Amino acid sequence: MSITPQELELLMQEVELEDPIDFADLPFDEHELRGLIANHLCEMSDAMENFSEEDKHLSLLAVAAKLVLENLVLNVQLLRRHGLPLNEGTQALLNRLRKRG
């Protein structure tokens, strides 16, 4: 792979400057969590070494889509648990999904 887990961790931190992650009161060290994820993603990337460029792209797109969906679901669950309203964008997205169903 062309990036090390340590380099990926630094990139993750740079992205977080624009869109911080609320680790709240998790009983885990933020740096250790980033390291764990960076290692896992580098291992995934290495496992795709023999994939075609298109298959790599599709695989990474599928992983990203799954993570965005999971993040959306967790955020909606948290807001509902605390009786807070959804933000405008999330509400609009859910309304569009309801209309399809």
N, C-alpha and C. Protein backbone atom coordinates (compact mmCIF):
# COMPACT_ATOMS: atom_id res chain seq x y z
N MET A 1 0.85 -1.19 0.00
CA MET A 1 0.00 0.00 0.00
C MET A 1 0.88 1.23 0.00
N SER A 2 0.38 2.31 -0.54
CA SER A 2 1.17 3.53 -0.67
C SER A 2 1.06 4.46 0.54
N ILE A 3 0.34 4.06 1.56
CA ILE A 3 0.21 4.88 2.77
C ILE A 3 0.34 3.98 3.99
N THR A 4 1.03 4.49 4.99
CA THR A 4 1.19 3.72 6.23
C THR A 4 0.02 4.04 7.16
N PRO A 5 -0.22 3.17 8.13
CA PRO A 5 -1.27 3.48 9.10
C PRO A 5 -1.03 4.81 9.81
N GLN A 6 0.22 5.13 10.08
CA GLN A 6 0.54 6.39 10.76
C GLN A 6 0.20 7.59 9.87
N GLU A 7 0.48 7.48 8.58
CA GLU A 7 0.14 8.56 7.66
C GLU A 7 -1.38 8.70 7.54
N LEU A 8 -2.07 7.57 7.53
CA LEU A 8 -3.53 7.61 7.46
C LEU A 8 -4.12 8.26 8.71
N GLU A 9 -3.54 7.95 9.87
CA GLU A 9 -3.98 8.59 11.11
C GLU A 9 -3.86 10.11 11.02
N LEU A 10 -2.75 10.58 10.48
CA LEU A 10 -2.56 12.03 10.32
C LEU A 10 -3.60 12.63 9.39
N LEU A 11 -3.90 11.92 8.31
CA LEU A 11 -4.94 12.39 7.39
C LEU A 11 -6.31 12.42 8.07
N MET A 12 -6.57 11.42 8.88
CA MET A 12 -7.84 11.39 9.62
C MET A 12 -7.95 12.61 10.52
N GLN A 13 -6.86 12.95 11.20
CA GLN A 13 -6.87 14.11 12.09
C GLN A 13 -7.08 15.40 11.31
N GLU A 14 -6.49 15.49 10.13
CA GLU A 14 -6.69 16.68 9.29
C GLU A 14 -8.15 16.82 8.89
N VAL A 15 -8.79 15.71 8.52
CA VAL A 15 -10.21 15.74 8.14
C VAL A 15 -11.06 16.16 9.35
N GLU A 16 -10.67 15.68 10.52
CA GLU A 16 -11.42 16.00 11.73
C GLU A 16 -11.35 17.48 12.10
N LEU A 17 -10.36 18.20 11.60
CA LEU A 17 -10.29 19.63 11.86
C LEU A 17 -11.53 20.32 11.29
N GLU A 18 -11.99 19.86 10.13
CA GLU A 18 -13.17 20.43 9.48
C GLU A 18 -14.47 19.82 10.01
N ASP A 19 -14.41 18.56 10.41
CA ASP A 19 -15.61 17.84 10.86
C ASP A 19 -15.24 16.99 12.08
N PRO A 20 -15.15 17.63 13.26
CA PRO A 20 -14.69 16.91 14.46
C PRO A 20 -15.61 15.76 14.86
N ILE A 21 -15.01 14.77 15.45
CA ILE A 21 -15.75 13.63 15.99
C ILE A 21 -15.96 13.87 17.47
N ASP A 22 -17.19 13.68 17.93
CA ASP A 22 -17.50 13.82 19.35
C ASP A 22 -17.29 12.47 20.02
N PHE A 23 -16.15 12.31 20.66
CA PHE A 23 -15.86 11.06 21.35
C PHE A 23 -16.57 10.98 22.69
N ALA A 24 -17.22 12.09 23.08
CA ALA A 24 -17.97 12.18 24.33
C ALA A 24 -17.15 11.60 25.48
N ASP A 25 -17.75 10.71 26.22
CA ASP A 25 -17.05 10.15 27.37
C ASP A 25 -16.73 8.66 27.16
N LEU A 26 -16.40 8.32 25.93
CA LEU A 26 -16.03 6.92 25.65
C LEU A 26 -14.81 6.54 26.48
N PRO A 27 -14.80 5.33 26.98
CA PRO A 27 -13.67 4.91 27.82
C PRO A 27 -12.47 4.43 26.99
N PHE A 28 -12.23 5.08 25.85
CA PHE A 28 -11.13 4.70 24.97
C PHE A 28 -10.33 5.94 24.61
N ASP A 29 -9.06 5.76 24.39
CA ASP A 29 -8.19 6.84 23.97
C ASP A 29 -8.43 7.13 22.48
N GLU A 30 -8.65 8.41 22.14
CA GLU A 30 -8.92 8.79 20.75
C GLU A 30 -7.79 8.36 19.82
N HIS A 31 -6.56 8.57 20.25
CA HIS A 31 -5.40 8.22 19.42
C HIS A 31 -5.36 6.71 19.15
N GLU A 32 -5.65 5.92 20.19
CA GLU A 32 -5.66 4.46 20.01
C GLU A 32 -6.77 4.02 19.07
N LEU A 33 -7.92 4.66 19.16
CA LEU A 33 -9.02 4.32 18.25
C LEU A 33 -8.66 4.65 16.80
N ARG A 34 -8.06 5.83 16.59
CA ARG A 34 -7.64 6.19 15.24
C ARG A 34 -6.62 5.18 14.71
N GLY A 35 -5.68 4.78 15.57
CA GLY A 35 -4.66 3.81 15.17
C GLY A 35 -5.28 2.48 14.79
N LEU A 36 -6.23 2.03 15.57
CA LEU A 36 -6.92 0.77 15.30
C LEU A 36 -7.61 0.81 13.94
N ILE A 37 -8.32 1.91 13.68
CA ILE A 37 -9.05 2.05 12.41
C ILE A 37 -8.08 2.19 11.25
N ALA A 38 -7.02 2.97 11.42
CA ALA A 38 -6.03 3.15 10.35
C ALA A 38 -5.38 1.82 9.99
N ASN A 39 -5.03 1.03 11.00
CA ASN A 39 -4.44 -0.29 10.73
C ASN A 39 -5.42 -1.19 10.00
N HIS A 40 -6.67 -1.18 10.44
CA HIS A 40 -7.70 -2.03 9.81
C HIS A 40 -7.89 -1.66 8.34
N LEU A 41 -7.98 -0.35 8.06
CA LEU A 41 -8.20 0.07 6.68
C LEU A 41 -6.99 -0.22 5.80
N CYS A 42 -5.80 -0.07 6.34
CA CYS A 42 -4.60 -0.41 5.55
C CYS A 42 -4.56 -1.91 5.27
N GLU A 43 -4.98 -2.72 6.22
CA GLU A 43 -5.05 -4.17 5.99
C GLU A 43 -6.08 -4.50 4.93
N MET A 44 -7.24 -3.81 4.97
CA MET A 44 -8.27 -4.03 3.95
C MET A 44 -7.72 -3.66 2.58
N SER A 45 -7.03 -2.55 2.52
CA SER A 45 -6.47 -2.09 1.25
C SER A 45 -5.45 -3.09 0.72
N ASP A 46 -4.60 -3.59 1.60
CA ASP A 46 -3.61 -4.59 1.19
C ASP A 46 -4.28 -5.86 0.67
N ALA A 47 -5.42 -6.23 1.28
CA ALA A 47 -6.14 -7.43 0.85
C ALA A 47 -6.73 -7.25 -0.54
N MET A 48 -6.88 -6.01 -0.99
CA MET A 48 -7.43 -5.74 -2.32
C MET A 48 -6.32 -5.53 -3.36
N GLU A 49 -5.13 -5.87 -3.01
CA GLU A 49 -3.98 -5.63 -3.89
C GLU A 49 -4.17 -6.21 -5.29
N ASN A 50 -4.78 -7.38 -5.38
CA ASN A 50 -4.95 -8.03 -6.68
C ASN A 50 -6.27 -7.67 -7.37
N PHE A 51 -7.04 -6.78 -6.76
CA PHE A 51 -8.28 -6.33 -7.37
C PHE A 51 -7.98 -5.41 -8.55
N SER A 52 -8.87 -5.37 -9.51
CA SER A 52 -8.76 -4.38 -10.58
C SER A 52 -9.03 -3.00 -9.97
N GLU A 53 -8.65 -1.95 -10.66
CA GLU A 53 -8.90 -0.59 -10.15
C GLU A 53 -10.39 -0.36 -9.96
N GLU A 54 -11.20 -0.86 -10.89
CA GLU A 54 -12.65 -0.69 -10.77
C GLU A 54 -13.19 -1.42 -9.55
N ASP A 55 -12.71 -2.65 -9.31
CA ASP A 55 -13.17 -3.41 -8.15
C ASP A 55 -12.73 -2.74 -6.84
N LYS A 56 -11.52 -2.18 -6.81
CA LYS A 56 -11.06 -1.45 -5.63
C LYS A 56 -11.97 -0.26 -5.37
N HIS A 57 -12.25 0.48 -6.43
CA HIS A 57 -13.10 1.66 -6.31
C HIS A 57 -14.49 1.28 -5.81
N LEU A 58 -15.08 0.25 -6.39
CA LEU A 58 -16.41 -0.20 -5.98
C LEU A 58 -16.42 -0.70 -4.54
N SER A 59 -15.37 -1.42 -4.16
CA SER A 59 -15.28 -1.93 -2.78
C SER A 59 -15.18 -0.79 -1.78
N LEU A 60 -14.34 0.20 -2.07
CA LEU A 60 -14.19 1.33 -1.17
C LEU A 60 -15.47 2.17 -1.12
N LEU A 61 -16.15 2.29 -2.24
CA LEU A 61 -17.41 3.01 -2.28
C LEU A 61 -18.47 2.29 -1.44
N ALA A 62 -18.51 0.97 -1.52
CA ALA A 62 -19.46 0.18 -0.73
C ALA A 62 -19.17 0.32 0.76
N VAL A 63 -17.90 0.29 1.14
CA VAL A 63 -17.52 0.44 2.55
C VAL A 63 -17.92 1.84 3.04
N ALA A 64 -17.63 2.86 2.24
CA ALA A 64 -17.98 4.23 2.63
C ALA A 64 -19.49 4.38 2.77
N ALA A 65 -20.24 3.83 1.84
CA ALA A 65 -21.71 3.93 1.89
C ALA A 65 -22.25 3.25 3.14
N LYS A 66 -21.72 2.11 3.47
CA LYS A 66 -22.16 1.38 4.66
C LYS A 66 -21.87 2.20 5.91
N LEU A 67 -20.70 2.82 5.98
CA LEU A 67 -20.34 3.61 7.15
C LEU A 67 -21.20 4.87 7.28
N VAL A 68 -21.50 5.51 6.16
CA VAL A 68 -22.37 6.69 6.20
C VAL A 68 -23.77 6.29 6.66
N LEU A 69 -24.27 5.18 6.16
CA LEU A 69 -25.59 4.69 6.58
C LEU A 69 -25.58 4.38 8.07
N GLU A 70 -24.56 3.67 8.52
CA GLU A 70 -24.46 3.32 9.94
C GLU A 70 -24.39 4.59 10.80
N ASN A 71 -23.64 5.58 10.36
CA ASN A 71 -23.53 6.83 11.10
C ASN A 71 -24.89 7.54 11.17
N LEU A 72 -25.61 7.56 10.05
CA LEU A 72 -26.94 8.18 10.02
C LEU A 72 -27.87 7.49 11.02
N VAL A 73 -27.90 6.17 10.98
CA VAL A 73 -28.78 5.40 11.87
C VAL A 73 -28.42 5.67 13.33
N LEU A 74 -27.14 5.65 13.65
CA LEU A 74 -26.73 5.88 15.04
C LEU A 74 -27.08 7.29 15.51
N ASN A 75 -26.90 8.28 14.63
CA ASN A 75 -27.24 9.65 14.99
C ASN A 75 -28.74 9.82 15.22
N VAL A 76 -29.55 9.24 14.35
CA VAL A 76 -31.00 9.33 14.52
C VAL A 76 -31.42 8.64 15.82
N GLN A 77 -30.85 7.48 16.09
CA GLN A 77 -31.17 6.78 17.34
C GLN A 77 -30.81 7.62 18.56
N LEU A 78 -29.65 8.24 18.52
CA LEU A 78 -29.22 9.10 19.65
C LEU A 78 -30.14 10.28 19.85
N LEU A 79 -30.48 10.94 18.75
CA LEU A 79 -31.37 12.09 18.85
C LEU A 79 -32.73 11.68 19.41
N ARG A 80 -33.27 10.59 18.92
CA ARG A 80 -34.57 10.12 19.40
C ARG A 80 -34.51 9.73 20.87
N ARG A 81 -33.43 9.07 21.27
CA ARG A 81 -33.27 8.64 22.66
C ARG A 81 -33.28 9.85 23.60
N HIS A 82 -32.74 10.96 23.13
CA HIS A 82 -32.66 12.16 23.96
C HIS A 82 -33.78 13.16 23.67
N GLY A 83 -34.74 12.75 22.83
CA GLY A 83 -35.88 13.59 22.53
C GLY A 83 -35.53 14.86 21.78
N LEU A 84 -34.46 14.82 20.99
CA LEU A 84 -34.02 16.00 20.24
C LEU A 84 -34.51 15.92 18.80
N PRO A 85 -34.77 17.06 18.19
CA PRO A 85 -35.23 17.05 16.79
C PRO A 85 -34.09 16.72 15.84
N LEU A 86 -34.44 16.17 14.70
CA LEU A 86 -33.46 15.91 13.65
C LEU A 86 -33.09 17.23 13.00
N ASN A 87 -31.86 17.33 12.50
CA ASN A 87 -31.51 18.55 11.78
C ASN A 87 -32.24 18.54 10.44
N GLU A 88 -32.27 19.67 9.81
CA GLU A 88 -33.07 19.86 8.58
C GLU A 88 -32.66 18.89 7.47
N GLY A 89 -31.36 18.71 7.28
CA GLY A 89 -30.87 17.82 6.23
C GLY A 89 -31.24 16.37 6.46
N THR A 90 -31.09 15.92 7.70
CA THR A 90 -31.44 14.54 8.03
C THR A 90 -32.93 14.31 7.88
N GLN A 91 -33.72 15.27 8.34
CA GLN A 91 -35.17 15.14 8.23
C GLN A 91 -35.59 15.08 6.76
N ALA A 92 -34.99 15.91 5.91
CA ALA A 92 -35.32 15.91 4.48
C ALA A 92 -34.96 14.57 3.85
N LEU A 93 -33.81 14.03 4.23
CA LEU A 93 -33.39 12.73 3.70
C LEU A 93 -34.37 11.64 4.10
N LEU A 94 -34.74 11.61 5.37
CA LEU A 94 -35.69 10.59 5.83
C LEU A 94 -37.05 10.75 5.17
N ASN A 95 -37.47 11.99 4.95
CA ASN A 95 -38.75 12.21 4.26
C ASN A 95 -38.71 11.67 2.84
N ARG A 96 -37.58 11.87 2.13
CA ARG A 96 -37.45 11.33 0.78
C ARG A 96 -37.50 9.82 0.80
N LEU A 97 -36.87 9.21 1.79
CA LEU A 97 -36.89 7.75 1.89
C LEU A 97 -38.29 7.22 2.16
N ARG A 98 -39.04 7.92 2.99
CA ARG A 98 -40.43 7.51 3.29
C ARG A 98 -41.30 7.54 2.05
N LYS A 99 -41.10 8.56 1.20
CA LYS A 99 -41.89 8.70 -0.02
C LYS A 99 -41.63 7.56 -0.99
N ARG A 100 -40.40 7.03 -0.99
CA ARG A 100 -40.06 5.92 -1.89
C ARG A 100 -40.74 4.63 -1.46
N GLY A 101 -40.88 4.46 -0.14
CA GLY A 101 -41.39 3.21 0.40
C GLY A 101 -42.82 3.06 0.27
